[in-house]
C-alpha atoms as a PDB file:
ATOM      1  CA  UNK A   1      -0.003   0.204   0.115  1.00  0.00           C
ATOM      2  CA  UNK A   2       1.204   2.937  -0.469  1.00  0.00           C
ATOM      3  CA  UNK A   3       1.142   6.177   2.208  1.00  0.00           C
ATOM      4  CA  UNK A   4      -0.764   9.338   0.484  1.00  0.00           C
ATOM      5  CA  UNK A   5       0.646  13.154   1.554  1.00  0.00           C
ATOM      6  CA  UNK A   6      -1.334  15.986   0.848  1.00  0.00           C
ATOM      7  CA  UNK A   7       0.727  19.027  -0.343  1.00  0.00           C
ATOM      8  CA  UNK A   8       0.263  21.874   0.291  1.00  0.00           C
ATOM      9  CA  UNK A   9       0.943  24.631  -2.242  1.00  0.00           C
ATOM     10  CA  UNK A  10       1.662  28.567  -1.379  1.00  0.00           C
ATOM     11  CA  UNK A  11      -1.586  28.889  -2.977  1.00  0.00           C
ATOM     12  CA  UNK A  12      -4.049  26.948  -1.220  1.00  0.00           C
ATOM     13  CA  UNK A  13      -2.027  28.871   2.237  1.00  0.00           C
ATOM     14  CA  UNK A  14      -4.992  31.125   3.608  1.00  0.00           C
ATOM     15  CA  UNK A  15      -3.763  34.628   3.742  1.00  0.00           C
ATOM     16  CA  UNK A  16      -4.926  38.126   5.379  1.00  0.00           C
ATOM     17  CA  UNK A  17      -7.266  39.894   3.490  1.00  0.00           C
ATOM     18  CA  UNK A  18      -6.206  43.878   4.469  1.00  0.00           C
ATOM     19  CA  UNK A  19      -2.544  42.917   5.236  1.00  0.00           C
ATOM     20  CA  UNK A  20      -1.553  39.751   3.305  1.00  0.00           C
ATOM     21  CA  UNK A  21       0.344  37.914   5.833  1.00  0.00           C
ATOM     22  CA  UNK A  22       0.418  34.035   5.795  1.00  0.00           C
ATOM     23  CA  UNK A  23      -2.715  32.882   8.222  1.00  0.00           C
ATOM     24  CA  UNK A  24      -2.854  29.506  10.523  1.00  0.00           C
ATOM     25  CA  UNK A  25      -6.123  27.791   9.480  1.00  0.00           C
ATOM     26  CA  UNK A  26      -9.523  28.707  11.628  1.00  0.00           C
ATOM     27  CA  UNK A  27      -8.016  32.193  13.285  1.00  0.00           C
ATOM     28  CA  UNK A  28     -10.832  34.411  13.432  1.00  0.00           C
ATOM     29  CA  UNK A  29      -8.243  37.677  12.735  1.00  0.00           C
ATOM     30  CA  UNK A  30      -5.074  38.038  11.583  1.00  0.00           C
ATOM     31  CA  UNK A  31      -2.336  38.002  13.886  1.00  0.00           C
ATOM     32  CA  UNK A  32      -0.262  40.723  12.152  1.00  0.00           C
ATOM     33  CA  UNK A  33      -3.371  43.358  11.704  1.00  0.00           C
ATOM     34  CA  UNK A  34      -6.332  43.099  13.232  1.00  0.00           C
ATOM     35  CA  UNK A  35      -8.407  42.423  10.404  1.00  0.00           C
ATOM     36  CA  UNK A  36     -10.823  40.092  10.369  1.00  0.00           C
ATOM     37  CA  UNK A  37     -10.131  36.442   8.223  1.00  0.00           C
ATOM     38  CA  UNK A  38     -13.860  35.810   7.599  1.00  0.00           C
ATOM     39  CA  UNK A  39     -14.656  37.461   3.966  1.00  0.00           C
ATOM     40  CA  UNK A  40     -18.153  38.331   5.135  1.00  0.00           C
ATOM     41  CA  UNK A  41     -17.304  40.424   8.355  1.00  0.00           C
ATOM     42  CA  UNK A  42     -13.992  42.018   6.811  1.00  0.00           C
ATOM     43  CA  UNK A  43     -16.361  43.429   4.294  1.00  0.00           C
ATOM     44  CA  UNK A  44     -18.883  44.733   6.563  1.00  0.00           C
ATOM     45  CA  UNK A  45     -16.091  46.240   8.251  1.00  0.00           C
ATOM     46  CA  UNK A  46     -14.200  47.639   4.782  1.00  0.00           C
ATOM     47  CA  UNK A  47     -17.917  49.165   4.174  1.00  0.00           C
ATOM     48  CA  UNK A  48     -18.540  50.597   7.534  1.00  0.00           C
ATOM     49  CA  UNK A  49     -14.813  52.723   6.980  1.00  0.00           C
ATOM     50  CA  UNK A  50     -15.400  53.667   3.502  1.00  0.00           C
ATOM     51  CA  UNK A  51     -18.582  54.926   4.423  1.00  0.00           C
ATOM     52  CA  UNK A  52     -17.285  56.597   7.935  1.00  0.00           C
ATOM     53  CA  UNK A  53     -14.417  58.449   5.230  1.00  0.00           C
ATOM     54  CA  UNK A  54     -16.879  59.409   3.489  1.00  0.00           C
ATOM     55  CA  UNK A  55     -18.561  60.955   5.698  1.00  0.00           C
ATOM     56  CA  UNK A  56     -16.149  62.815   7.424  1.00  0.00           C
ATOM     57  CA  UNK A  57     -14.974  64.565   3.860  1.00  0.00           C
ATOM     58  CA  UNK A  58     -18.523  65.714   3.424  1.00  0.00           C
ATOM     59  CA  UNK A  59     -18.167  67.538   6.790  1.00  0.00           C
ATOM     60  CA  UNK A  60     -14.351  69.000   5.967  1.00  0.00           C
ATOM     61  CA  UNK A  61     -16.290  69.966   2.018  1.00  0.00           C
ATOM     62  CA  UNK A  62     -19.143  71.494   4.448  1.00  0.00           C
ATOM     63  CA  UNK A  63     -17.117  74.012   6.463  1.00  0.00           C
ATOM     64  CA  UNK A  64     -14.969  74.836   3.895  1.00  0.00           C
ATOM     65  CA  UNK A  65     -18.074  76.119   2.337  1.00  0.00           C
ATOM     66  CA  UNK A  66     -18.888  77.819   5.189  1.00  0.00           C
ATOM     67  CA  UNK A  67     -15.867  79.358   6.047  1.00  0.00           C
ATOM     68  CA  UNK A  68     -15.658  80.624   2.223  1.00  0.00           C
ATOM     69  CA  UNK A  69     -19.896  81.858   2.778  1.00  0.00           C
ATOM     70  CA  UNK A  70     -18.435  83.526   6.575  1.00  0.00           C
ATOM     71  CA  UNK A  71     -15.462  85.837   4.351  1.00  0.00           C
ATOM     72  CA  UNK A  72     -17.593  86.627   1.557  1.00  0.00           C
ATOM     73  CA  UNK A  73     -20.098  88.126   4.194  1.00  0.00           C
ATOM     74  CA  UNK A  74     -17.121  89.567   5.339  1.00  0.00           C
ATOM     75  CA  UNK A  75     -15.778  91.598   2.711  1.00  0.00           C
ATOM     76  CA  UNK A  76     -18.657  92.602   1.775  1.00  0.00           C
ATOM     77  CA  UNK A  77     -19.738  94.580   5.540  1.00  0.00           C
ATOM     78  CA  UNK A  78     -16.337  95.479   5.166  1.00  0.00           C
ATOM     79  CA  UNK A  79     -16.767  97.376   1.371  1.00  0.00           C
ATOM     80  CA  UNK A  80     -20.279  98.362   2.610  1.00  0.00           C
ATOM     81  CA  UNK A  81     -18.570 100.209   5.569  1.00  0.00           C
ATOM     82  CA  UNK A  82     -15.519 101.592   3.208  1.00  0.00           C
ATOM     83  CA  UNK A  83     -18.621 102.927   1.054  1.00  0.00           C
ATOM     84  CA  UNK A  84     -20.292 105.113   3.948  1.00  0.00           C
ATOM     85  CA  UNK A  85     -17.244 106.278   5.446  1.00  0.00           C
ATOM     86  CA  UNK A  86     -15.700 107.303   2.114  1.00  0.00           C
ATOM     87  CA  UNK A  87     -19.220 109.141   1.446  1.00  0.00           C
ATOM     88  CA  UNK A  88     -19.054 110.256   4.794  1.00  0.00           C
ATOM     89  CA  UNK A  89     -15.348 112.413   4.174  1.00  0.00           C
ATOM     90  CA  UNK A  90     -16.397 114.293   0.713  1.00  0.00           C
END
C-alpha cells in the first residue's frame, strides 16, 4: 500500500485580506494587523470604514463652504463700511 501525503501549495495557504500575511487555518483575526479572516465580516468592516471616510470628507467640504460664505460676508461688510466712510468724507 502506498501512503498518501497532502502537499500544500502556496496558493492554498490562506492569507489576510488586509495585509497579505500568511494565516494559520481557523484563526478569526490576523495576528499581524487584526483584520477579521471571515470575508463577510471583513467586507462589512471595510464598507463601514468607507462610509465613515465619506462622511468625514462631506463634513470637511461643508466646513470649507461655510468658511467661504463667512469670508464673503465679512468682505461685503467691509466694502459697505468703506463705501459709507468714503461718502461721509466727501
